[in-house]
Amino acid sequence: MILCSFRFKFKKDLPTRTTMNIMGKYQKYSLFSIKKNRGFTLIELIVVVVILGVMAAIALPMLLKQVEKGRQAEAKSTLGAINRAQQAYRQETTTFGLIAKLPITPPPGIYYSFADDLAAYATPDSLGAAQKATAQGPYDNDIRNYASAVGQTPNGIFRSLVCEAPDPTIDTVTTVNTNGSISCLNGTQIR
């Protein structure tokens, strides 16, 4: 009998199932409900801002470089077209000509102005001609300057090139023509 009463006492002292469920739910809600209503912590917000800052620091220079390349494409393509027009003009008239005499007229540049490079080659003749693309207005220290030349060697071979200034602040990029053999001066050949 003693054993039975012990069991009975033990069973009586134990919390009932419903009491445990209510206590368990209360503890569960009390622990998690505070966390759900708090929002973001200051540390979490700082981490997000730092990540965004690092991404912007990496992406912004790359974006600006692509914008610069897009603007410089105007000079490269126009000078290439002028070189081809010079070769056609040379075939028809036995001499190279000034830009104004060519069968094409360069479009008005948004970022560049195009002119004959008379400093590099005083007057176009049967051996060659030179042109330059100079950055305009607010872009003159942001984008590179270009020079181009076209020449014909004494054995009749046409040569053309486009030179790029190594730095946007250098305005002295030009070409040299020695008996139809052309090369860059103060710049690098890109075509």
C-alpha atoms as a PDB file:
ATOM      1  CA  MET A   1       0.000   0.000   0.000  1.00  0.00           C
ATOM      2  CA  ILE A   2       2.781   2.282   0.658  1.00  0.00           C
ATOM      3  CA  LEU A   3       4.003   1.830  -2.836  1.00  0.00           C
ATOM      4  CA  CYS A   4       0.617   2.713  -4.217  1.00  0.00           C
ATOM      5  CA  SER A   5       0.308   5.840  -2.202  1.00  0.00           C
ATOM      6  CA  PHE A   6       3.769   6.877  -3.311  1.00  0.00           C
ATOM      7  CA  ARG A   7       2.759   6.532  -6.876  1.00  0.00           C
ATOM      8  CA  PHE A   8      -0.373   8.371  -6.252  1.00  0.00           C
ATOM      9  CA  LYS A   9       1.476  11.214  -4.554  1.00  0.00           C
ATOM     10  CA  PHE A  10       4.020  11.351  -7.372  1.00  0.00           C
ATOM     11  CA  LYS A  11       1.304  11.448  -9.971  1.00  0.00           C
ATOM     12  CA  LYS A  12      -0.557  14.114  -8.108  1.00  0.00           C
ATOM     13  CA  ASP A  13       2.510  16.326  -7.760  1.00  0.00           C
ATOM     14  CA  LEU A  14       3.343  16.198 -11.466  1.00  0.00           C
ATOM     15  CA  PRO A  15       1.973  19.053 -13.571  1.00  0.00           C
ATOM     16  CA  THR A  16      -0.803  18.061 -15.893  1.00  0.00           C
ATOM     17  CA  ARG A  17      -0.380  18.018 -19.629  1.00  0.00           C
ATOM     18  CA  THR A  18      -2.457  21.153 -20.171  1.00  0.00           C
ATOM     19  CA  THR A  19      -0.425  23.077 -17.624  1.00  0.00           C
ATOM     20  CA  MET A  20       2.803  22.161 -19.446  1.00  0.00           C
ATOM     21  CA  ASN A  21       1.392  23.179 -22.775  1.00  0.00           C
ATOM     22  CA  ILE A  22       0.345  26.566 -21.497  1.00  0.00           C
ATOM     23  CA  MET A  23       3.684  27.144 -19.810  1.00  0.00           C
ATOM     24  CA  GLY A  24       5.591  25.926 -22.862  1.00  0.00           C
ATOM     25  CA  LYS A  25       3.651  28.206 -25.178  1.00  0.00           C
ATOM     26  CA  TYR A  26       4.089  31.142 -22.881  1.00  0.00           C
ATOM     27  CA  GLN A  27       7.813  30.603 -22.674  1.00  0.00           C
ATOM     28  CA  LYS A  28       8.056  30.121 -26.452  1.00  0.00           C
ATOM     29  CA  TYR A  29       6.162  33.316 -27.207  1.00  0.00           C
ATOM     30  CA  SER A  30       7.891  35.325 -24.574  1.00  0.00           C
ATOM     31  CA  LEU A  31      11.346  34.391 -25.878  1.00  0.00           C
ATOM     32  CA  PHE A  32      10.702  34.929 -29.577  1.00  0.00           C
ATOM     33  CA  SER A  33       8.086  37.638 -29.678  1.00  0.00           C
ATOM     34  CA  ILE A  34      10.510  40.256 -28.381  1.00  0.00           C
ATOM     35  CA  LYS A  35      13.047  39.437 -31.064  1.00  0.00           C
ATOM     36  CA  LYS A  36      10.517  39.583 -33.906  1.00  0.00           C
ATOM     37  CA  ASN A  37       9.306  43.060 -33.011  1.00  0.00           C
ATOM     38  CA  ARG A  38      12.727  44.666 -32.636  1.00  0.00           C
ATOM     39  CA  GLY A  39      13.637  45.102 -36.347  1.00  0.00           C
ATOM     40  CA  PHE A  40      17.266  45.381 -37.460  1.00  0.00           C
ATOM     41  CA  THR A  41      20.077  45.900 -35.025  1.00  0.00           C
ATOM     42  CA  LEU A  42      22.604  48.667 -35.506  1.00  0.00           C
ATOM     43  CA  ILE A  43      25.322  46.109 -36.251  1.00  0.00           C
ATOM     44  CA  GLU A  44      23.250  44.538 -39.035  1.00  0.00           C
ATOM     45  CA  LEU A  45      22.625  47.924 -40.616  1.00  0.00           C
ATOM     46  CA  ILE A  46      26.313  48.852 -40.417  1.00  0.00           C
ATOM     47  CA  VAL A  47      27.297  45.573 -42.079  1.00  0.00           C
ATOM     48  CA  VAL A  48      24.861  46.203 -44.934  1.00  0.00           C
ATOM     49  CA  VAL A  49      26.132  49.776 -45.411  1.00  0.00           C
ATOM     50  CA  VAL A  50      29.753  48.575 -45.427  1.00  0.00           C
ATOM     51  CA  ILE A  51      28.970  45.888 -48.013  1.00  0.00           C
ATOM     52  CA  LEU A  52      27.201  48.420 -50.237  1.00  0.00           C
ATOM     53  CA  GLY A  53      30.110  50.841 -49.845  1.00  0.00           C
ATOM     54  CA  VAL A  54      32.646  48.217 -50.898  1.00  0.00           C
ATOM     55  CA  MET A  55      30.523  47.231 -53.896  1.00  0.00           C
ATOM     56  CA  ALA A  56      30.194  50.875 -54.946  1.00  0.00           C
ATOM     57  CA  ALA A  57      33.931  51.456 -54.532  1.00  0.00           C
ATOM     58  CA  ILE A  58      34.627  48.557 -56.859  1.00  0.00           C
ATOM     59  CA  ALA A  59      31.890  49.253 -59.406  1.00  0.00           C
ATOM     60  CA  LEU A  60      32.151  53.038 -59.790  1.00  0.00           C
ATOM     61  CA  PRO A  61      35.657  53.181 -61.314  1.00  0.00           C
ATOM     62  CA  MET A  62      34.721  50.388 -63.696  1.00  0.00           C
ATOM     63  CA  LEU A  63      31.596  52.272 -64.752  1.00  0.00           C
ATOM     64  CA  LEU A  64      33.523  55.494 -65.305  1.00  0.00           C
ATOM     65  CA  LYS A  65      36.129  53.612 -67.383  1.00  0.00           C
ATOM     66  CA  GLN A  66      33.391  52.234 -69.631  1.00  0.00           C
ATOM     67  CA  VAL A  67      31.889  55.713 -70.081  1.00  0.00           C
ATOM     68  CA  GLU A  68      35.346  57.006 -71.032  1.00  0.00           C
ATOM     69  CA  LYS A  69      35.819  54.205 -73.578  1.00  0.00           C
ATOM     70  CA  GLY A  70      32.424  54.937 -75.106  1.00  0.00           C
ATOM     71  CA  ARG A  71      33.279  58.615 -75.554  1.00  0.00           C
ATOM     72  CA  GLN A  72      36.682  57.787 -77.019  1.00  0.00           C
ATOM     73  CA  ALA A  73      35.074  55.507 -79.602  1.00  0.00           C
ATOM     74  CA  GLU A  74      33.884  58.664 -81.403  1.00  0.00           C
ATOM     75  CA  ALA A  75      37.483  59.724 -82.090  1.00  0.00           C
ATOM     76  CA  LYS A  76      38.705  56.273 -83.102  1.00  0.00           C
ATOM     77  CA  SER A  77      35.917  55.588 -85.578  1.00  0.00           C
ATOM     78  CA  THR A  78      35.964  59.069 -87.148  1.00  0.00           C
ATOM     79  CA  LEU A  79      39.753  59.083 -87.577  1.00  0.00           C
ATOM     80  CA  GLY A  80      39.559  55.600 -89.127  1.00  0.00           C
ATOM     81  CA  ALA A  81      36.939  56.857 -91.606  1.00  0.00           C
ATOM     82  CA  ILE A  82      39.116  59.883 -92.436  1.00  0.00           C
ATOM     83  CA  ASN A  83      42.098  57.573 -93.098  1.00  0.00           C
ATOM     84  CA  ARG A  84      40.031  55.463 -95.506  1.00  0.00           C
ATOM     85  CA  ALA A  85      38.747  58.605 -97.238  1.00  0.00           C
ATOM     86  CA  GLN A  86      42.342  59.847 -97.567  1.00  0.00           C
ATOM     87  CA  GLN A  87      43.316  56.615 -99.335  1.00  0.00           C
ATOM     88  CA  ALA A  88      40.379  56.928-101.740  1.00  0.00           C
ATOM     89  CA  TYR A  89      41.239  60.587-102.377  1.00  0.00           C
ATOM     90  CA  ARG A  90      44.891  59.609-103.048  1.00  0.00           C
ATOM     91  CA  GLN A  91      43.779  57.037-105.627  1.00  0.00           C
ATOM     92  CA  GLU A  92      41.757  59.662-107.506  1.00  0.00           C
ATOM     93  CA  THR A  93      44.039  62.716-107.319  1.00  0.00           C
ATOM     94  CA  THR A  94      47.609  61.331-106.815  1.00  0.00           C
ATOM     95  CA  THR A  95      47.936  63.274-103.557  1.00  0.00           C
ATOM     96  CA  PHE A  96      46.475  63.188-100.084  1.00  0.00           C
ATOM     97  CA  GLY A  97      44.252  66.111 -99.117  1.00  0.00           C
ATOM     98  CA  LEU A  98      42.970  68.271 -96.325  1.00  0.00           C
ATOM     99  CA  ILE A  99      39.872  67.093 -94.482  1.00  0.00           C
ATOM    100  CA  ALA A 100      37.778  69.754 -96.254  1.00  0.00           C
ATOM    101  CA  LYS A 101      38.662  68.250 -99.667  1.00  0.00           C
ATOM    102  CA  LEU A 102      37.851  64.653 -98.790  1.00  0.00           C
ATOM    103  CA  PRO A 103      34.740  62.882-100.120  1.00  0.00           C
ATOM    104  CA  ILE A 104      33.415  62.651 -96.557  1.00  0.00           C
ATOM    105  CA  THR A 105      32.882  65.285 -93.944  1.00  0.00           C
ATOM    106  CA  PRO A 106      33.372  64.228 -90.346  1.00  0.00           C
ATOM    107  CA  PRO A 107      30.196  64.607 -88.307  1.00  0.00           C
ATOM    108  CA  PRO A 108      30.242  67.371 -85.700  1.00  0.00           C
ATOM    109  CA  GLY A 109      31.759  65.665 -82.707  1.00  0.00           C
ATOM    110  CA  ILE A 110      30.062  65.658 -79.336  1.00  0.00           C
ATOM    111  CA  TYR A 111      33.272  65.012 -77.426  1.00  0.00           C
ATOM    112  CA  TYR A 112      35.974  65.779 -80.039  1.00  0.00           C
ATOM    113  CA  SER A 113      36.888  68.308 -82.688  1.00  0.00           C
ATOM    114  CA  PHE A 114      38.640  66.982 -85.800  1.00  0.00           C
ATOM    115  CA  ALA A 115      41.261  68.911 -87.768  1.00  0.00           C
ATOM    116  CA  ASP A 116      44.239  68.478 -90.050  1.00  0.00           C
ATOM    117  CA  ASP A 117      47.433  68.025 -88.046  1.00  0.00           C
ATOM    118  CA  LEU A 118      49.452  70.650 -89.859  1.00  0.00           C
ATOM    119  CA  ALA A 119      52.103  70.656 -87.150  1.00  0.00           C
ATOM    120  CA  ALA A 120      52.911  67.020 -87.877  1.00  0.00           C
ATOM    121  CA  TYR A 121      52.640  67.262 -91.627  1.00  0.00           C
ATOM    122  CA  ALA A 122      52.626  70.837 -92.944  1.00  0.00           C
ATOM    123  CA  THR A 123      50.690  70.161 -96.130  1.00  0.00           C
ATOM    124  CA  PRO A 124      49.308  66.830 -97.298  1.00  0.00           C
ATOM    125  CA  ASP A 125      51.164  65.583-100.379  1.00  0.00           C
ATOM    126  CA  SER A 126      51.669  62.331-102.275  1.00  0.00           C
ATOM    127  CA  LEU A 127      53.427  60.708 -99.308  1.00  0.00           C
ATOM    128  CA  GLY A 128      50.893  61.311 -96.568  1.00  0.00           C
ATOM    129  CA  ALA A 129      48.561  63.386 -94.436  1.00  0.00           C
ATOM    130  CA  ALA A 130      47.827  63.647 -90.713  1.00  0.00           C
ATOM    131  CA  GLN A 131      44.746  64.469 -88.647  1.00  0.00           C
ATOM    132  CA  LYS A 132      44.008  64.872 -84.964  1.00  0.00           C
ATOM    133  CA  ALA A 133      41.064  64.543 -82.617  1.00  0.00           C
ATOM    134  CA  THR A 134      41.175  66.937 -79.678  1.00  0.00           C
ATOM    135  CA  ALA A 135      38.832  66.547 -76.713  1.00  0.00           C
ATOM    136  CA  GLN A 136      36.365  69.417 -76.372  1.00  0.00           C
ATOM    137  CA  GLY A 137      35.162  71.551 -73.519  1.00  0.00           C
ATOM    138  CA  PRO A 138      34.452  69.856 -70.222  1.00  0.00           C
ATOM    139  CA  TYR A 139      35.913  66.532 -71.418  1.00  0.00           C
ATOM    140  CA  ASP A 140      39.438  67.764 -72.239  1.00  0.00           C
ATOM    141  CA  ASN A 141      40.947  66.313 -69.039  1.00  0.00           C
ATOM    142  CA  ASP A 142      38.683  63.233 -68.901  1.00  0.00           C
ATOM    143  CA  ILE A 143      39.212  61.553 -72.273  1.00  0.00           C
ATOM    144  CA  ARG A 144      42.347  60.951 -74.329  1.00  0.00           C
ATOM    145  CA  ASN A 145      43.389  62.843 -77.445  1.00  0.00           C
ATOM    146  CA  TYR A 146      44.128  61.048 -80.710  1.00  0.00           C
ATOM    147  CA  ALA A 147      46.126  61.581 -83.883  1.00  0.00           C
ATOM    148  CA  SER A 148      45.994  59.664 -87.139  1.00  0.00           C
ATOM    149  CA  ALA A 149      48.074  59.482 -90.272  1.00  0.00           C
ATOM    150  CA  VAL A 150      47.929  57.861 -93.632  1.00  0.00           C
ATOM    151  CA  GLY A 151      50.850  57.425 -96.013  1.00  0.00           C
ATOM    152  CA  GLN A 152      51.984  55.673 -99.136  1.00  0.00           C
ATOM    153  CA  THR A 153      55.482  54.252 -99.405  1.00  0.00           C
ATOM    154  CA  PRO A 154      57.501  54.766-102.641  1.00  0.00           C
ATOM    155  CA  ASN A 155      56.662  51.166-103.667  1.00  0.00           C
ATOM    156  CA  GLY A 156      52.910  51.951-103.448  1.00  0.00           C
ATOM    157  CA  ILE A 157      51.895  50.377-100.140  1.00  0.00           C
ATOM    158  CA  PHE A 158      49.301  52.318 -98.119  1.00  0.00           C
ATOM    159  CA  ARG A 159      49.764  52.570 -94.366  1.00  0.00           C
ATOM    160  CA  SER A 160      47.417  54.128 -91.841  1.00  0.00           C
ATOM    161  CA  LEU A 161      47.393  54.352 -88.084  1.00  0.00           C
ATOM    162  CA  VAL A 162      45.633  55.928 -85.129  1.00  0.00           C
ATOM    163  CA  CYS A 163      47.677  57.017 -82.108  1.00  0.00           C
ATOM    164  CA  GLU A 164      46.330  57.434 -78.589  1.00  0.00           C
ATOM    165  CA  ALA A 165      47.726  59.781 -75.953  1.00  0.00           C
ATOM    166  CA  PRO A 166      48.959  57.891 -72.880  1.00  0.00           C
ATOM    167  CA  ASP A 167      47.084  60.230 -70.538  1.00  0.00           C
ATOM    168  CA  PRO A 168      43.988  62.469 -70.908  1.00  0.00           C
ATOM    169  CA  THR A 169      46.025  65.559 -69.984  1.00  0.00           C
ATOM    170  CA  ILE A 170      48.542  65.123 -72.833  1.00  0.00           C
ATOM    171  CA  ASP A 171      47.631  67.199 -75.873  1.00  0.00           C
ATOM    172  CA  THR A 172      50.797  66.665 -77.914  1.00  0.00           C
ATOM    173  CA  VAL A 173      50.064  63.251 -79.423  1.00  0.00           C
ATOM    174  CA  THR A 174      50.998  63.377 -83.097  1.00  0.00           C
ATOM    175  CA  THR A 175      52.380  61.279 -85.945  1.00  0.00           C
ATOM    176  CA  VAL A 176      55.590  61.249 -87.979  1.00  0.00           C
ATOM    177  CA  ASN A 177      55.795  60.486 -91.689  1.00  0.00           C
ATOM    178  CA  THR A 178      59.147  59.576 -93.228  1.00  0.00           C
ATOM    179  CA  ASN A 179      58.783  58.807 -96.955  1.00  0.00           C
ATOM    180  CA  GLY A 180      55.369  57.238 -96.421  1.00  0.00           C
ATOM    181  CA  SER A 181      56.468  55.269 -93.351  1.00  0.00           C
ATOM    182  CA  ILE A 182      54.322  56.559 -90.488  1.00  0.00           C
ATOM    183  CA  SER A 183      54.672  56.198 -86.726  1.00  0.00           C
ATOM    184  CA  CYS A 184      53.349  57.681 -83.477  1.00  0.00           C
ATOM    185  CA  LEU A 185      55.033  60.439 -81.526  1.00  0.00           C
ATOM    186  CA  ASN A 186      54.066  60.966 -77.850  1.00  0.00           C
ATOM    187  CA  GLY A 187      51.450  58.230 -78.030  1.00  0.00           C
ATOM    188  CA  THR A 188      50.752  54.564 -78.652  1.00  0.00           C
ATOM    189  CA  GLN A 189      49.547  53.033 -81.883  1.00  0.00           C
ATOM    190  CA  ILE A 190      46.129  51.421 -81.542  1.00  0.00           C
ATOM    191  CA  ARG A 191      45.377  50.666 -85.224  1.00  0.00           C
END
